[in-house]
Protein backbone atom coordinates (compact mmCIF):
# COMPACT_ATOMS: atom_id res chain seq x y z
CA MET A 1 22.66 6.84 19.18
CA LYS A 2 22.93 5.56 15.62
CA HIS A 3 21.23 7.46 12.82
CA CYS A 4 19.12 5.83 10.12
CA THR A 5 17.99 7.59 6.94
CA VAL A 6 14.89 6.18 5.26
CA SER A 7 13.84 7.30 1.78
CA VAL A 8 10.66 6.89 -0.23
CA ILE A 9 9.30 8.60 -3.35
CA ASN A 10 5.86 9.55 -1.97
CA ASP A 11 4.92 12.54 0.21
CA LEU A 12 5.02 10.55 3.51
CA VAL A 13 1.40 11.20 4.45
CA THR A 14 -0.40 7.91 3.78
CA ASP A 15 2.43 5.35 3.59
CA GLN A 16 1.51 3.20 6.56
CA ARG A 17 4.21 0.57 5.95
CA VAL A 18 7.04 3.11 6.00
CA ARG A 19 5.56 4.84 9.04
CA LYS A 20 5.47 1.57 11.00
CA VAL A 21 9.05 0.75 10.01
CA CYS A 22 10.21 4.21 11.13
CA LEU A 23 8.41 3.78 14.46
CA TYR A 24 9.98 0.35 14.85
CA LEU A 25 13.47 1.78 14.19
CA THR A 26 12.83 4.60 16.65
CA ASP A 27 11.80 2.09 19.30
CA LYS A 28 15.00 0.13 18.61
CA GLY A 29 17.04 3.22 19.49
CA PHE A 30 17.80 4.70 16.09
CA SER A 31 17.54 8.41 15.39
CA VAL A 32 15.43 8.28 12.22
CA THR A 33 15.06 10.72 9.34
CA LEU A 34 12.47 9.98 6.66
CA ILE A 35 12.93 11.66 3.27
CA GLY A 36 10.26 11.97 0.57
CA ARG A 37 8.84 14.59 -1.76
CA LYS A 38 6.36 17.43 -1.41
CA LEU A 39 3.53 18.04 -3.85
CA PRO A 40 1.46 21.25 -4.17
CA TRP A 41 -1.54 19.44 -2.69
CA SER A 42 0.32 17.53 0.03
CA PRO A 43 -1.29 17.99 3.47
CA GLU A 44 0.69 18.99 6.52
CA LEU A 45 2.74 16.28 8.15
CA GLN A 46 1.70 14.79 11.47
CA ILE A 47 4.06 15.17 14.39
CA LEU A 48 5.83 11.85 14.86
CA PRO A 49 8.83 10.74 16.96
CA TYR A 50 11.22 10.94 13.99
CA ARG A 51 12.30 13.66 11.55
CA GLN A 52 10.44 14.04 8.26
CA LYS A 53 11.82 15.93 5.28
CA ARG A 54 10.12 16.50 1.93
CA MET A 55 11.86 17.75 -1.20
CA LYS A 56 10.14 20.15 -3.58
CA LEU A 57 10.69 19.22 -7.23
CA LEU A 58 10.07 21.15 -10.42
CA PHE A 59 8.65 18.12 -12.25
CA LYS A 60 5.67 16.13 -10.95
CA LYS A 61 5.71 13.02 -13.17
CA GLY A 62 7.41 11.35 -16.10
CA PRO A 63 11.10 10.69 -16.84
CA LEU A 64 12.23 14.18 -15.80
CA PHE A 65 10.55 13.76 -12.42
CA TYR A 66 12.26 10.43 -11.73
CA ALA A 67 15.63 11.74 -12.92
CA SER A 68 15.40 14.92 -10.81
CA PHE A 69 14.16 13.02 -7.76
CA ASN A 70 16.98 10.50 -7.91
CA LEU A 71 19.59 13.23 -8.37
CA ARG A 72 18.22 15.29 -5.46
CA LEU A 73 18.01 12.21 -3.26
CA PHE A 74 21.56 11.21 -4.14
CA LEU A 75 22.92 14.64 -3.19
CA LYS A 76 20.90 14.75 0.03
CA LEU A 77 22.07 11.30 1.10
CA LEU A 78 25.64 12.05 0.10
CA PHE A 79 25.80 15.04 2.45
CA THR A 80 23.81 13.45 5.29
CA LYS A 81 25.66 11.94 8.22
CA THR A 82 24.05 8.56 8.81
CA ASP A 83 24.89 5.02 9.94
CA LEU A 84 22.26 3.14 7.96
CA LEU A 85 20.32 3.68 4.72
CA VAL A 86 16.86 2.22 4.08
CA SER A 87 15.55 2.35 0.51
CA ASN A 88 11.86 1.78 -0.20
CA ASP A 89 11.13 0.45 -3.69
CA LEU A 90 13.17 0.50 -6.86
CA ASP A 91 12.58 4.21 -7.54
CA THR A 92 14.81 5.13 -4.55
CA LEU A 93 17.33 2.29 -4.78
CA LEU A 94 19.94 3.74 -7.18
CA PRO A 95 20.92 6.81 -5.09
CA ASN A 96 20.87 4.76 -1.89
CA PHE A 97 23.08 2.08 -3.41
CA LEU A 98 25.58 4.59 -4.83
CA VAL A 99 25.88 6.45 -1.51
CA SER A 100 26.18 3.19 0.44
CA LYS A 101 29.16 2.23 -1.72
CA LEU A 102 30.78 5.67 -1.75
CA LYS A 103 30.51 6.09 2.03
CA SER A 104 30.66 2.42 3.11
CA ILE A 105 27.26 2.65 4.81
CA PRO A 106 25.08 -0.49 5.13
CA LEU A 107 21.90 -0.53 3.07
CA VAL A 108 18.53 -2.18 3.67
CA TYR A 109 16.15 -2.52 0.72
CA ASP A 110 12.38 -2.84 1.21
CA SER A 111 10.56 -3.82 -2.00
CA HIS A 112 6.85 -3.06 -1.59
CA GLU A 113 5.83 -4.71 -4.87
CA TYR A 114 7.09 -6.52 -7.95
CA PHE A 115 8.09 -3.12 -9.30
CA THR A 116 9.15 -3.83 -12.89
CA GLU A 117 5.96 -5.83 -13.53
CA VAL A 118 3.41 -3.10 -12.75
CA PRO A 119 1.01 -2.61 -15.69
CA GLU A 120 1.93 1.06 -16.14
CA LEU A 121 5.45 0.01 -17.23
CA GLN A 122 4.59 -2.81 -19.62
CA GLY A 123 5.71 -2.19 -23.19
CA ARG A 124 7.48 1.04 -22.27
CA PHE A 125 11.15 2.02 -22.47
CA ALA A 126 10.98 3.04 -18.80
CA ARG A 127 10.60 -0.62 -17.83
CA LYS A 128 13.91 -1.42 -19.52
CA VAL A 129 15.59 1.33 -17.53
CA TRP A 130 14.19 0.16 -14.18
CA LEU A 131 14.94 -3.46 -15.02
CA ALA A 132 18.55 -2.59 -15.86
CA ILE A 133 18.94 -0.81 -12.51
CA GLU A 134 17.37 -3.76 -10.69
CA LYS A 135 19.54 -6.36 -12.46
CA TRP A 136 22.68 -4.40 -11.67
CA ILE A 137 21.98 -3.72 -7.99
CA PHE A 138 19.74 -6.50 -6.66
CA PRO A 139 22.32 -9.35 -6.76
CA LYS A 140 24.67 -7.17 -4.69
CA LEU A 141 22.16 -6.58 -1.87
CA LYS A 142 22.53 -8.33 1.47
CA ASN A 143 19.56 -7.07 3.48
CA VAL A 144 16.23 -7.22 1.66
CA PHE A 145 12.57 -7.23 2.69
CA THR A 146 9.46 -7.72 0.62
CA VAL A 147 5.73 -8.04 1.29
CA ASN A 148 4.92 -11.71 0.76
CA GLU A 149 6.26 -15.16 0.00
CA SER A 150 5.36 -15.15 -3.70
CA ILE A 151 7.33 -11.99 -4.51
CA ALA A 152 10.21 -13.16 -2.31
CA LYS A 153 10.43 -16.41 -4.28
CA GLU A 154 10.41 -14.56 -7.61
CA TYR A 155 13.23 -12.22 -6.57
CA SER A 156 15.26 -15.00 -4.98
CA LYS A 157 14.92 -17.12 -8.12
CA LYS A 158 16.05 -14.22 -10.33
CA TYR A 159 18.88 -12.85 -8.22
CA GLY A 160 19.90 -15.51 -5.70
CA VAL A 161 19.36 -13.20 -2.71
CA HIS A 162 17.81 -14.25 0.60
CA ILE A 163 14.75 -12.11 1.31
CA GLU A 164 12.89 -11.58 4.59
CA ILE A 165 9.10 -11.23 4.46
CA VAL A 166 7.36 -8.32 6.19
CA ARG A 167 3.68 -8.31 5.29
CA ASN A 168 1.64 -5.11 5.14
CA LEU A 169 -0.11 -5.90 8.39
CA PRO A 170 -1.73 -3.09 10.41
CA LEU A 171 -1.31 -2.30 14.05
CA ARG A 172 -4.10 -3.80 16.14
CA GLN A 173 -6.88 -1.22 16.08
CA VAL A 174 -8.86 -1.01 19.30
CA SER A 175 -10.26 2.50 18.89
CA PHE A 176 -11.34 4.66 15.97
CA ALA A 177 -11.26 8.38 15.24
CA GLU A 178 -14.51 10.28 15.80
CA ILE A 179 -15.82 11.52 12.46
CA ASN A 180 -19.00 13.22 11.34
CA PRO A 181 -20.35 11.17 8.41
CA ALA A 182 -22.11 14.25 7.04
CA ASP A 183 -18.71 15.89 6.47
CA PHE A 184 -18.10 13.23 3.82
CA GLY A 185 -21.59 13.23 2.35
CA LEU A 186 -22.58 10.05 4.20
CA THR A 187 -25.64 9.14 6.22
CA ALA A 188 -25.90 6.72 9.12
CA ASN A 189 -28.78 4.60 7.74
CA GLN A 190 -27.30 4.03 4.25
CA LYS A 191 -25.38 0.86 3.33
CA TYR A 192 -21.96 1.31 1.72
CA VAL A 193 -19.28 -0.80 0.12
CA ILE A 194 -15.77 0.62 0.00
CA LEU A 195 -12.83 0.55 -2.38
CA GLN A 196 -9.83 2.21 -0.80
CA GLY A 197 -6.21 2.67 -1.82
CA SER A 198 -3.38 5.08 -2.51
CA GLY A 199 -2.88 3.50 -5.95
CA ILE A 200 -6.28 3.19 -7.64
CA ASN A 201 -4.70 2.64 -11.02
CA LEU A 202 -5.00 0.49 -14.15
CA ASP A 203 -6.67 -2.93 -13.73
CA ARG A 204 -7.68 -2.38 -10.10
CA GLY A 205 -11.37 -3.11 -10.79
CA GLY A 206 -12.65 0.37 -9.97
CA GLU A 207 -14.57 0.78 -13.21
CA GLU A 208 -16.39 -2.54 -12.80
CA ALA A 209 -17.28 -1.67 -9.21
CA ILE A 210 -18.77 1.62 -10.40
CA MET A 211 -20.84 -0.02 -13.13
CA ALA A 212 -22.11 -2.62 -10.65
CA MET A 213 -23.89 0.27 -8.95
CA HIS A 214 -26.11 0.47 -12.05
CA ILE A 215 -27.51 -2.90 -11.01
CA LEU A 216 -27.56 -2.49 -7.22
CA LYS A 217 -30.02 0.02 -5.81
CA THR A 218 -29.75 -0.39 -2.03
CA VAL A 219 -26.02 0.26 -1.59
CA LYS A 220 -23.60 3.05 -2.44
CA LEU A 221 -19.94 2.77 -3.38
CA LEU A 222 -17.26 4.73 -1.52
CA ILE A 223 -14.00 5.22 -3.40
CA VAL A 224 -11.46 6.59 -0.94
CA GLY A 225 -7.90 7.44 -1.91
CA SER A 226 -5.88 8.51 -4.93
CA GLY A 227 -4.61 7.09 -8.19
CA ASP A 228 -4.06 7.61 -11.89
CA LYS A 229 -7.47 6.25 -12.92
CA LEU A 230 -9.59 8.48 -10.70
CA PRO A 231 -10.24 11.19 -13.32
CA GLU A 232 -11.49 8.55 -15.77
CA MET A 233 -13.58 6.92 -13.06
CA LYS A 234 -15.21 10.23 -12.15
CA GLU A 235 -16.02 10.79 -15.82
CA LEU A 236 -17.52 7.29 -15.97
CA VAL A 237 -19.78 8.17 -13.04
CA ARG A 238 -20.91 11.39 -14.77
CA LYS A 239 -21.46 9.63 -18.10
CA HIS A 240 -23.76 7.02 -16.57
CA GLY A 241 -25.55 9.31 -14.12
CA LEU A 242 -24.29 7.51 -11.03
CA GLU A 243 -23.50 10.58 -8.95
CA ASP A 244 -25.98 9.46 -6.28
CA SER A 245 -24.55 5.94 -6.14
CA VAL A 246 -20.78 6.58 -6.09
CA ILE A 247 -19.03 8.87 -3.62
CA PHE A 248 -15.40 9.88 -4.14
CA ILE A 249 -13.47 10.84 -1.02
CA PRO A 250 -9.87 12.06 -1.34
CA ARG A 251 -7.13 10.28 0.57
CA GLN A 252 -7.35 10.61 4.33
CA SER A 253 -5.09 10.10 7.32
CA PRO A 254 -4.93 6.44 8.42
CA ASP A 255 -7.13 7.18 11.46
CA VAL A 256 -9.91 8.82 9.44
CA LEU A 257 -9.67 6.17 6.72
CA ARG A 258 -10.24 3.41 9.27
CA SER A 259 -13.31 5.18 10.64
CA LEU A 260 -14.75 5.54 7.14
CA THR A 261 -13.97 1.90 6.39
CA LYS A 262 -15.71 0.72 9.54
CA MET A 263 -18.95 2.31 8.27
CA ALA A 264 -19.01 0.03 5.22
CA GLU A 265 -20.66 -3.37 4.89
CA ILE A 266 -18.07 -4.83 2.51
CA GLY A 267 -14.52 -4.00 1.44
CA LEU A 268 -13.45 -4.49 -2.18
CA SER A 269 -10.08 -5.64 -3.50
CA LEU A 270 -10.56 -6.25 -7.22
CA ASP A 271 -7.06 -6.23 -8.74
CA LYS A 272 -7.01 -8.22 -11.98
CA ASP A 273 -4.53 -10.99 -12.75
CA THR A 274 -3.12 -9.11 -15.74
CA ASN A 275 0.51 -8.93 -14.66
CA PRO A 276 2.91 -10.60 -12.18
CA ASN A 277 2.85 -7.62 -9.80
CA TYR A 278 -0.90 -7.93 -9.25
CA ARG A 279 -0.81 -11.75 -9.44
CA TYR A 280 1.49 -11.92 -6.42
CA SER A 281 0.21 -8.84 -4.58
CA LEU A 282 -1.15 -8.71 -1.04
CA PRO A 283 -2.77 -5.25 -0.74
CA ASN A 284 -2.72 -3.20 2.46
CA LYS A 285 -6.43 -2.62 2.14
CA LEU A 286 -7.21 -6.30 2.65
CA PHE A 287 -5.80 -6.17 6.17
CA ASP A 288 -7.29 -2.73 6.81
CA TYR A 289 -10.76 -4.10 6.02
CA ILE A 290 -10.21 -7.02 8.40
CA GLN A 291 -9.06 -4.71 11.20
CA CYS A 292 -12.21 -2.66 10.71
CA GLY A 293 -14.42 -5.73 11.00
CA ILE A 294 -15.84 -5.72 7.48
CA PRO A 295 -15.92 -8.78 5.20
CA VAL A 296 -14.15 -8.64 1.85
CA LEU A 297 -15.00 -9.37 -1.76
CA VAL A 298 -11.74 -10.07 -3.57
CA SER A 299 -10.40 -11.17 -6.93
CA ASP A 300 -8.76 -14.58 -7.22
CA LEU A 301 -5.10 -13.77 -6.59
CA LEU A 302 -2.76 -16.27 -4.95
CA GLU A 303 -1.79 -14.46 -1.75
CA VAL A 304 -5.17 -12.75 -1.34
CA ARG A 305 -7.11 -16.02 -1.68
CA LYS A 306 -4.81 -17.61 0.91
CA ILE A 307 -5.71 -14.99 3.53
CA VAL A 308 -9.45 -14.95 2.79
CA GLU A 309 -9.84 -18.72 2.78
CA THR A 310 -7.55 -19.37 5.76
CA TRP A 311 -9.46 -16.96 7.98
CA GLN A 312 -12.88 -17.23 6.29
CA VAL A 313 -13.38 -13.45 6.17
CA GLY A 314 -15.07 -13.00 2.81
CA ARG A 315 -15.57 -14.31 -0.69
CA VAL A 316 -13.28 -14.85 -3.67
CA MET A 317 -14.42 -14.10 -7.24
CA ILE A 318 -13.20 -15.90 -10.36
CA ASP A 319 -15.46 -13.95 -12.72
CA TYR A 320 -14.70 -10.19 -12.58
CA SER A 321 -17.63 -9.12 -14.75
CA ILE A 322 -19.88 -6.25 -13.70
CA GLU A 323 -22.83 -8.61 -13.38
CA ASN A 324 -20.93 -11.03 -11.14
CA ILE A 325 -19.60 -8.25 -8.89
CA ALA A 326 -23.17 -7.02 -8.45
CA SER A 327 -24.44 -10.57 -7.83
CA MET A 328 -21.76 -11.31 -5.21
CA LEU A 329 -22.37 -8.01 -3.43
CA ARG A 330 -26.12 -8.59 -3.40
CA MET A 331 -25.63 -12.07 -1.91
CA MET A 332 -23.23 -10.79 0.76
CA LEU A 333 -25.63 -7.97 1.69
CA LEU A 334 -28.66 -10.27 1.85
CA ASN A 335 -26.73 -12.72 4.03
CA ASN A 336 -25.54 -9.82 6.18
CA ASP A 337 -21.95 -11.09 5.94
CA LYS A 338 -20.73 -8.34 8.26
CA GLN A 339 -22.58 -10.07 11.11
CA LEU A 340 -22.31 -13.59 9.71
CA LEU A 341 -18.49 -13.43 9.62
CA LYS A 342 -18.10 -11.21 12.69
CA GLU A 343 -16.25 -13.78 14.83
CA ASN A 344 -13.96 -14.81 11.97
CA LEU A 345 -13.09 -11.17 11.33
CA LYS A 346 -12.42 -10.59 15.01
CA ARG A 347 -10.12 -13.60 15.22
CA ALA A 348 -8.26 -12.60 12.05
CA ALA A 349 -7.88 -9.00 13.29
CA GLU A 350 -6.33 -10.25 16.52
CA ASN A 351 -3.78 -12.40 14.68
CA LEU A 352 -2.95 -10.49 11.49
CA THR A 353 -1.11 -7.60 13.13
CA TRP A 354 2.17 -5.78 12.62
CA GLU A 355 3.69 -7.50 15.64
CA GLN A 356 3.97 -10.69 13.54
CA ASN A 357 6.67 -8.93 11.52
CA ILE A 358 8.95 -8.05 14.44
CA PRO A 359 11.08 -11.25 14.32
CA ALA A 360 11.87 -10.70 10.61
CA LEU A 361 12.68 -7.03 11.21
CA ASN A 362 14.91 -7.97 14.14
CA ARG A 363 16.84 -10.51 12.07
CA ILE A 364 18.10 -7.72 9.81
CA TYR A 365 18.15 -4.60 11.96
CA ASN A 366 19.65 -6.05 15.15
CA GLN A 367 23.01 -6.50 13.41
CA PHE A 368 23.30 -2.73 12.98
CA LEU A 369 22.80 -2.13 16.69
CA ALA A 370 25.31 -4.74 17.84
CA ASP A 371 28.11 -2.23 18.33
CA ALA A 372 25.93 0.76 19.22
C-alpha cells in the first residue's frame, strides 16, 4: 500500500474539500495521513478512515505563525515516510515543494483560491513574500488542481502550467442530522435566511446583510461559521439593537451545518467584486445551499452567476446596497422561492455533486498507483 501525506494550514474540522479528497485517496488504496494545526478552541476530530495529525504552535496568527508553521511542517514531512505529497494552498506549498525535491517524492498541489489576490494581503509586504514563493515554485509544478475554470485560466496564463479543475461540489445529501432547533436559539415557525462560511472576512457582504435586517421584520438572519470580521459584525448588531434579528452560531460539523441550512428560506453569498480572488471565486456555500434545497441570493460574480443562471436556483444582484439586499429578500420571501424553485433545486442537487470531479482526480492520481 502506498502512503500519501496531505497537508493543510487549518485545524481539519470543517474543511470539506480536503476531507473528500482524503476519502477519495483512501478509496483508491492509499494509506492517507492528513496534517494540520491545532488551536486552543479546536473541537475533537471525528473518526475517519485515515490518520489525522494536528500540530500545536506557539503563535496563532501573523508572520511568526506562518514562519513557525512552515518550519514545523517541513520538519514533519522531511521525517515522514511517504510516497506522495499533497499540498493545499500556497501557505503549505513551500515545505512540500522542498521535501519533494530533497526526497524525490511526487507532489500534487491543490489551490483552493487565487491566494495572492485575497483582500487581506493587498498593499501588504506579506503579499510580496507569498507572490515570490508562488512565482518560484508554480512554474515547476506538474500536477495541479484548482476550484474553477476562471482561476485555472489565470494561473495557466501566468505560469504556463496545465491545471485540472475540481469544483467544491458536495456529496449528494439524501439524509440530514437530527438537531433540536432550540439548542441554537431557533424556532420552527420563524423564517430565516442564512450566511454560512469558514471565512466570513473582509468584503463578504456580512455587514450589509445585517443592516438589511433593520428593514425586514418577518425574517431573521443566521450567520453560521467563523472569520476575521465576526467580532466587528457582532459589535454592529449590538450598536444597532439587532440582537433579536441576527443570530450568530459558531462553526459546526458539516452534518449539523446542513441541517441548520435546510431550515432557512434563502442562502446568501454576497462576496464583493473588489479583488480577483473574489471575482473568480465559486464558494462552497453556494453548492451547500443547493444540496439543502434552498434558493440563493448572490452577488454578480462570474462563476457564481454561471451556476445560478444555468440551473435557475436563485437570483443575482448587481446592486449590493443594504436597501437592495432587503428588497431582493422581501421579493424572494413573498414569492416563496423555496417552493417556486423546488424542482430546479432538486435537479441541480442531483447533478452538482462530488462525483463529477472523479475523472479529473483520476487523471492525476492514477499515475501514482500504476506501479503499486
